[in-house]
Amino acid sequence: MSSSADAHEQALEVAERLAPLGPVVVKRMFSGAGLSIDGVNFAFVIGGTLYFRVDDQSRPAYEAMGLEPFRYDRPGRTVTVGSYYEAPDEVFDDDEVLCDHARAAWQAALTASRARPPKRPRVPRRRAAG
């Protein structure tokens, strides 16, 4: 099984455990799988690791636990995505802890999505007559 398929399977298992929060949708993304509620992405699984969306209020708790932000390699550099952090080990042992972290991650993602300006409609470029 590919790592993308493994990530999707792991995300489906997490989504099942998050049933108390409502319907969690799992979608394939890049080489992983994203989790969303009501169209708001709040977590993803990639490389066998679950990452939650964080904000300025929740990030210090993740840092205090020694958890790392999501990172990926680009040619010549490593990109750090400070808005997603590794999930703590406790979420894999306790559904209530998992739901608490997921609820906070969803709230952080929801707040961030509301803070973004709305997308402007894309206007097609006109070709010069000639």
N, C-alpha and C. Protein backbone atom coordinates (compact mmCIF):
# COMPACT_ATOMS: atom_id res chain seq x y z
N MET A 1 0.85 -1.18 0.00
CA MET A 1 0.00 0.00 0.00
C MET A 1 0.89 1.24 0.00
N SER A 2 0.52 2.27 -0.76
CA SER A 2 1.33 3.48 -0.84
C SER A 2 1.19 4.30 0.44
N SER A 3 2.11 5.23 0.64
CA SER A 3 2.03 6.07 1.83
C SER A 3 0.79 6.95 1.79
N SER A 4 0.35 7.33 0.59
CA SER A 4 -0.88 8.11 0.46
C SER A 4 -2.08 7.29 0.89
N ALA A 5 -2.10 6.03 0.50
CA ALA A 5 -3.20 5.15 0.91
C ALA A 5 -3.15 4.89 2.42
N ASP A 6 -1.94 4.74 2.97
CA ASP A 6 -1.79 4.56 4.42
C ASP A 6 -2.32 5.79 5.16
N ALA A 7 -1.96 6.98 4.68
CA ALA A 7 -2.40 8.21 5.31
C ALA A 7 -3.92 8.32 5.25
N HIS A 8 -4.50 7.97 4.11
CA HIS A 8 -5.96 8.02 3.96
C HIS A 8 -6.63 7.06 4.94
N GLU A 9 -6.10 5.87 5.07
CA GLU A 9 -6.65 4.89 6.01
C GLU A 9 -6.53 5.39 7.46
N GLN A 10 -5.39 5.96 7.80
CA GLN A 10 -5.20 6.49 9.15
C GLN A 10 -6.17 7.64 9.41
N ALA A 11 -6.35 8.52 8.42
CA ALA A 11 -7.27 9.64 8.57
C ALA A 11 -8.71 9.15 8.74
N LEU A 12 -9.08 8.09 8.02
CA LEU A 12 -10.43 7.52 8.18
C LEU A 12 -10.64 6.99 9.60
N GLU A 13 -9.61 6.38 10.16
CA GLU A 13 -9.70 5.88 11.54
C GLU A 13 -9.87 7.03 12.52
N VAL A 14 -9.12 8.12 12.31
CA VAL A 14 -9.25 9.29 13.18
C VAL A 14 -10.65 9.88 13.03
N ALA A 15 -11.13 10.00 11.80
CA ALA A 15 -12.46 10.56 11.55
C ALA A 15 -13.55 9.76 12.25
N GLU A 16 -13.42 8.45 12.25
CA GLU A 16 -14.39 7.59 12.94
C GLU A 16 -14.41 7.88 14.43
N ARG A 17 -13.23 8.09 15.01
CA ARG A 17 -13.14 8.38 16.44
C ARG A 17 -13.65 9.78 16.78
N LEU A 18 -13.73 10.65 15.76
CA LEU A 18 -14.22 12.01 15.96
C LEU A 18 -15.72 12.14 15.72
N ALA A 19 -16.42 11.04 15.62
CA ALA A 19 -17.87 11.05 15.35
C ALA A 19 -18.65 11.97 16.30
N PRO A 20 -18.28 12.10 17.58
CA PRO A 20 -19.04 13.01 18.45
C PRO A 20 -19.04 14.47 17.97
N LEU A 21 -18.09 14.85 17.12
CA LEU A 21 -18.02 16.22 16.63
C LEU A 21 -18.91 16.46 15.41
N GLY A 22 -19.44 15.39 14.84
CA GLY A 22 -20.24 15.51 13.63
C GLY A 22 -19.52 14.84 12.48
N PRO A 23 -20.10 14.95 11.28
CA PRO A 23 -19.49 14.29 10.12
C PRO A 23 -18.12 14.89 9.77
N VAL A 24 -17.12 14.05 9.77
CA VAL A 24 -15.76 14.46 9.40
C VAL A 24 -15.48 13.89 8.02
N VAL A 25 -15.12 14.77 7.10
CA VAL A 25 -14.83 14.37 5.72
C VAL A 25 -13.33 14.18 5.58
N VAL A 26 -12.95 13.09 4.92
CA VAL A 26 -11.54 12.80 4.65
C VAL A 26 -11.33 12.88 3.15
N LYS A 27 -10.35 13.68 2.75
CA LYS A 27 -10.02 13.82 1.32
C LYS A 27 -8.53 13.64 1.12
N ARG A 28 -8.20 13.00 0.03
CA ARG A 28 -6.78 12.84 -0.32
C ARG A 28 -6.20 14.20 -0.66
N MET A 29 -4.97 14.43 -0.21
CA MET A 29 -4.26 15.66 -0.54
C MET A 29 -2.77 15.35 -0.64
N PHE A 30 -2.17 15.76 -1.70
CA PHE A 30 -0.75 15.52 -1.93
C PHE A 30 -0.43 14.06 -1.60
N SER A 31 0.48 13.83 -0.65
CA SER A 31 0.80 12.44 -0.29
C SER A 31 0.19 12.09 1.06
N GLY A 32 -0.92 12.74 1.39
CA GLY A 32 -1.59 12.50 2.66
C GLY A 32 -3.08 12.58 2.53
N ALA A 33 -3.74 12.91 3.64
CA ALA A 33 -5.19 13.01 3.68
C ALA A 33 -5.59 14.11 4.65
N GLY A 34 -6.52 14.96 4.22
CA GLY A 34 -7.00 16.05 5.05
C GLY A 34 -8.31 15.69 5.73
N LEU A 35 -8.57 16.29 6.89
CA LEU A 35 -9.82 16.10 7.62
C LEU A 35 -10.52 17.44 7.73
N SER A 36 -11.82 17.45 7.49
CA SER A 36 -12.58 18.69 7.57
C SER A 36 -13.96 18.44 8.16
N ILE A 37 -14.50 19.50 8.75
CA ILE A 37 -15.87 19.53 9.25
C ILE A 37 -16.50 20.77 8.66
N ASP A 38 -17.68 20.60 8.06
CA ASP A 38 -18.39 21.72 7.44
C ASP A 38 -17.51 22.47 6.45
N GLY A 39 -16.68 21.75 5.72
CA GLY A 39 -15.84 22.35 4.69
C GLY A 39 -14.62 23.08 5.21
N VAL A 40 -14.34 22.98 6.50
CA VAL A 40 -13.18 23.66 7.10
C VAL A 40 -12.13 22.61 7.46
N ASN A 41 -10.97 22.68 6.80
CA ASN A 41 -9.88 21.75 7.07
C ASN A 41 -9.22 22.09 8.39
N PHE A 42 -9.14 21.09 9.28
CA PHE A 42 -8.58 21.34 10.60
C PHE A 42 -7.44 20.40 10.95
N ALA A 43 -7.19 19.40 10.14
CA ALA A 43 -6.12 18.44 10.43
C ALA A 43 -5.76 17.71 9.14
N PHE A 44 -4.60 17.08 9.17
CA PHE A 44 -4.22 16.19 8.08
C PHE A 44 -3.25 15.14 8.59
N VAL A 45 -3.17 14.06 7.82
CA VAL A 45 -2.23 12.98 8.10
C VAL A 45 -1.29 12.90 6.91
N ILE A 46 -0.01 12.90 7.21
CA ILE A 46 0.99 12.75 6.16
C ILE A 46 2.22 12.09 6.77
N GLY A 47 2.79 11.16 6.06
CA GLY A 47 3.97 10.47 6.56
C GLY A 47 3.75 9.74 7.87
N GLY A 48 2.52 9.30 8.12
CA GLY A 48 2.21 8.57 9.34
C GLY A 48 1.99 9.46 10.56
N THR A 49 1.97 10.77 10.36
CA THR A 49 1.81 11.72 11.47
C THR A 49 0.51 12.51 11.30
N LEU A 50 -0.21 12.68 12.41
CA LEU A 50 -1.41 13.50 12.45
C LEU A 50 -1.01 14.91 12.87
N TYR A 51 -1.46 15.90 12.11
CA TYR A 51 -1.19 17.31 12.41
C TYR A 51 -2.51 18.03 12.63
N PHE A 52 -2.55 18.92 13.64
CA PHE A 52 -3.72 19.74 13.92
C PHE A 52 -3.43 21.21 13.61
N ARG A 53 -4.47 21.91 13.19
CA ARG A 53 -4.38 23.36 12.97
C ARG A 53 -4.26 24.03 14.32
N VAL A 54 -3.36 25.01 14.43
CA VAL A 54 -3.18 25.75 15.67
C VAL A 54 -3.35 27.24 15.39
N ASP A 55 -3.50 27.99 16.46
CA ASP A 55 -3.55 29.45 16.36
C ASP A 55 -2.67 30.01 17.48
N ASP A 56 -2.70 31.31 17.65
CA ASP A 56 -1.84 31.94 18.66
C ASP A 56 -2.17 31.48 20.08
N GLN A 57 -3.43 31.07 20.31
CA GLN A 57 -3.81 30.60 21.64
C GLN A 57 -3.37 29.16 21.89
N SER A 58 -3.47 28.30 20.89
CA SER A 58 -3.16 26.88 21.11
C SER A 58 -1.70 26.51 20.84
N ARG A 59 -1.02 27.29 20.01
CA ARG A 59 0.38 26.96 19.66
C ARG A 59 1.30 26.80 20.87
N PRO A 60 1.24 27.69 21.88
CA PRO A 60 2.15 27.54 23.03
C PRO A 60 2.02 26.19 23.74
N ALA A 61 0.81 25.65 23.80
CA ALA A 61 0.63 24.34 24.46
C ALA A 61 1.34 23.24 23.67
N TYR A 62 1.26 23.30 22.34
CA TYR A 62 1.94 22.31 21.50
C TYR A 62 3.46 22.45 21.65
N GLU A 63 3.94 23.69 21.67
CA GLU A 63 5.37 23.92 21.84
C GLU A 63 5.85 23.45 23.21
N ALA A 64 5.04 23.68 24.25
CA ALA A 64 5.41 23.25 25.60
C ALA A 64 5.50 21.73 25.70
N MET A 65 4.74 21.02 24.87
CA MET A 65 4.81 19.55 24.86
C MET A 65 5.97 19.05 24.00
N GLY A 66 6.72 19.98 23.39
CA GLY A 66 7.85 19.60 22.55
C GLY A 66 7.44 19.11 21.17
N LEU A 67 6.22 19.44 20.74
CA LEU A 67 5.73 19.00 19.44
C LEU A 67 6.24 19.95 18.36
N GLU A 68 6.35 19.43 17.16
CA GLU A 68 6.95 20.17 16.05
C GLU A 68 5.89 20.61 15.04
N PRO A 69 6.14 21.75 14.38
CA PRO A 69 5.25 22.13 13.28
C PRO A 69 5.51 21.26 12.06
N PHE A 70 4.55 21.26 11.16
CA PHE A 70 4.71 20.51 9.91
C PHE A 70 5.82 21.14 9.08
N ARG A 71 6.68 20.30 8.53
CA ARG A 71 7.77 20.74 7.66
C ARG A 71 7.82 19.86 6.43
N TYR A 72 8.23 20.47 5.33
CA TYR A 72 8.48 19.68 4.13
C TYR A 72 9.66 20.28 3.38
N ASP A 73 10.29 19.44 2.60
CA ASP A 73 11.49 19.86 1.88
C ASP A 73 11.15 20.35 0.48
N ARG A 74 11.80 21.44 0.11
CA ARG A 74 11.77 21.99 -1.24
C ARG A 74 13.23 21.98 -1.70
N PRO A 75 13.45 22.07 -2.97
CA PRO A 75 14.84 22.10 -3.43
C PRO A 75 15.62 23.23 -2.75
N GLY A 76 16.63 22.84 -2.00
CA GLY A 76 17.51 23.81 -1.37
C GLY A 76 17.03 24.39 -0.05
N ARG A 77 15.85 23.99 0.44
CA ARG A 77 15.38 24.55 1.70
C ARG A 77 14.28 23.67 2.30
N THR A 78 14.04 23.90 3.59
CA THR A 78 12.94 23.24 4.30
C THR A 78 11.90 24.31 4.63
N VAL A 79 10.65 24.02 4.32
CA VAL A 79 9.55 24.94 4.59
C VAL A 79 8.85 24.50 5.88
N THR A 80 8.65 25.44 6.79
CA THR A 80 7.94 25.18 8.04
C THR A 80 6.56 25.81 7.96
N VAL A 81 5.54 25.01 8.25
CA VAL A 81 4.16 25.49 8.25
C VAL A 81 3.73 25.60 9.71
N GLY A 82 3.86 26.78 10.27
CA GLY A 82 3.63 27.00 11.69
C GLY A 82 2.17 26.95 12.11
N SER A 83 1.27 26.80 11.16
CA SER A 83 -0.16 26.74 11.51
C SER A 83 -0.64 25.30 11.74
N TYR A 84 0.22 24.31 11.55
CA TYR A 84 -0.12 22.91 11.82
C TYR A 84 0.99 22.28 12.64
N TYR A 85 0.59 21.63 13.75
CA TYR A 85 1.55 20.97 14.64
C TYR A 85 1.19 19.50 14.81
N GLU A 86 2.23 18.71 15.10
CA GLU A 86 2.04 17.29 15.40
C GLU A 86 1.02 17.13 16.52
N ALA A 87 0.22 16.08 16.43
CA ALA A 87 -0.72 15.77 17.51
C ALA A 87 0.04 15.10 18.64
N PRO A 88 -0.34 15.39 19.89
CA PRO A 88 0.32 14.72 21.02
C PRO A 88 -0.07 13.25 21.06
N ASP A 89 0.81 12.42 21.61
CA ASP A 89 0.58 10.98 21.69
C ASP A 89 -0.73 10.63 22.40
N GLU A 90 -1.14 11.45 23.36
CA GLU A 90 -2.35 11.15 24.15
C GLU A 90 -3.60 11.03 23.30
N VAL A 91 -3.63 11.68 22.14
CA VAL A 91 -4.84 11.61 21.31
C VAL A 91 -5.08 10.20 20.77
N PHE A 92 -4.03 9.40 20.72
CA PHE A 92 -4.17 8.05 20.19
C PHE A 92 -4.66 7.07 21.24
N ASP A 93 -4.62 7.50 22.51
CA ASP A 93 -5.03 6.64 23.61
C ASP A 93 -6.39 6.99 24.19
N ASP A 94 -6.87 8.20 23.92
CA ASP A 94 -8.06 8.69 24.59
C ASP A 94 -8.93 9.48 23.60
N ASP A 95 -10.11 8.96 23.29
CA ASP A 95 -10.99 9.62 22.33
C ASP A 95 -11.43 11.00 22.79
N GLU A 96 -11.60 11.19 24.09
CA GLU A 96 -12.01 12.50 24.60
C GLU A 96 -10.91 13.54 24.37
N VAL A 97 -9.66 13.15 24.60
CA VAL A 97 -8.53 14.04 24.35
C VAL A 97 -8.43 14.34 22.85
N LEU A 98 -8.62 13.32 22.03
CA LEU A 98 -8.61 13.51 20.58
C LEU A 98 -9.67 14.52 20.17
N CYS A 99 -10.88 14.35 20.68
CA CYS A 99 -11.97 15.27 20.33
C CYS A 99 -11.69 16.68 20.81
N ASP A 100 -11.10 16.82 22.00
CA ASP A 100 -10.76 18.15 22.51
C ASP A 100 -9.77 18.85 21.59
N HIS A 101 -8.73 18.14 21.18
CA HIS A 101 -7.73 18.73 20.28
C HIS A 101 -8.33 19.04 18.92
N ALA A 102 -9.15 18.14 18.42
CA ALA A 102 -9.77 18.35 17.11
C ALA A 102 -10.73 19.53 17.15
N ARG A 103 -11.49 19.65 18.22
CA ARG A 103 -12.43 20.77 18.37
C ARG A 103 -11.67 22.10 18.37
N ALA A 104 -10.58 22.17 19.11
CA ALA A 104 -9.76 23.39 19.16
C ALA A 104 -9.13 23.67 17.79
N ALA A 105 -8.69 22.63 17.10
CA ALA A 105 -8.09 22.79 15.78
C ALA A 105 -9.13 23.29 14.78
N TRP A 106 -10.34 22.74 14.85
CA TRP A 106 -11.41 23.18 13.95
C TRP A 106 -11.74 24.65 14.22
N GLN A 107 -11.79 25.03 15.50
CA GLN A 107 -12.08 26.42 15.85
C GLN A 107 -10.97 27.34 15.33
N ALA A 108 -9.72 26.93 15.46
CA ALA A 108 -8.60 27.72 14.94
C ALA A 108 -8.69 27.88 13.43
N ALA A 109 -9.03 26.80 12.75
CA ALA A 109 -9.16 26.84 11.29
C ALA A 109 -10.35 27.71 10.87
N LEU A 110 -11.43 27.59 11.60
CA LEU A 110 -12.62 28.38 11.30
C LEU A 110 -12.33 29.87 11.48
N THR A 111 -11.67 30.23 12.56
CA THR A 111 -11.31 31.62 12.82
C THR A 111 -10.38 32.14 11.73
N ALA A 112 -9.41 31.34 11.33
CA ALA A 112 -8.47 31.75 10.28
C ALA A 112 -9.18 31.93 8.95
N SER A 113 -10.13 31.06 8.65
CA SER A 113 -10.84 31.17 7.36
C SER A 113 -11.72 32.41 7.33
N ARG A 114 -12.25 32.82 8.47
CA ARG A 114 -13.07 34.03 8.54
C ARG A 114 -12.22 35.29 8.45
N ALA A 115 -10.97 35.20 8.87
CA ALA A 115 -10.08 36.36 8.87
C ALA A 115 -9.53 36.67 7.48
N ARG A 116 -9.56 35.68 6.60
CA ARG A 116 -9.04 35.88 5.24
C ARG A 116 -10.03 36.72 4.43
N PRO A 117 -9.50 37.63 3.62
CA PRO A 117 -10.42 38.38 2.75
C PRO A 117 -11.04 37.44 1.72
N PRO A 118 -12.26 37.73 1.29
CA PRO A 118 -12.88 36.85 0.30
C PRO A 118 -12.10 36.86 -1.01
N LYS A 119 -12.13 35.73 -1.68
CA LYS A 119 -11.43 35.63 -2.96
C LYS A 119 -12.18 36.45 -4.00
N ARG A 120 -11.39 37.18 -4.78
CA ARG A 120 -12.00 37.94 -5.87
C ARG A 120 -12.20 37.00 -7.05
N PRO A 121 -13.27 37.20 -7.77
CA PRO A 121 -13.48 36.33 -8.95
C PRO A 121 -12.35 36.55 -9.95
N ARG A 122 -11.96 35.47 -10.55
CA ARG A 122 -10.88 35.53 -11.52
C ARG A 122 -11.44 36.04 -12.85
N VAL A 123 -10.79 37.08 -13.35
CA VAL A 123 -11.21 37.66 -14.62
C VAL A 123 -10.31 37.10 -15.72
N PRO A 124 -10.90 36.48 -16.73
CA PRO A 124 -10.07 35.92 -17.79
C PRO A 124 -9.31 37.02 -18.53
N ARG A 125 -8.07 36.73 -18.87
CA ARG A 125 -7.27 37.68 -19.63
C ARG A 125 -7.71 37.67 -21.07
N ARG A 126 -7.75 38.85 -21.63
CA ARG A 126 -8.15 38.95 -23.04
C ARG A 126 -6.90 38.82 -23.91
N ARG A 127 -7.12 38.15 -25.00
CA ARG A 127 -6.03 38.03 -25.98
C ARG A 127 -6.02 39.25 -26.87
N ALA A 128 -4.85 39.70 -27.18
CA ALA A 128 -4.72 40.84 -28.08
C ALA A 128 -5.12 40.41 -29.48
N ALA A 129 -5.88 41.24 -30.13
CA ALA A 129 -6.29 40.94 -31.51
C ALA A 129 -5.08 41.12 -32.39
N GLY A 130 -4.96 40.30 -33.32
CA GLY A 130 -3.79 40.51 -34.15
C GLY A 130 -3.69 39.60 -35.21
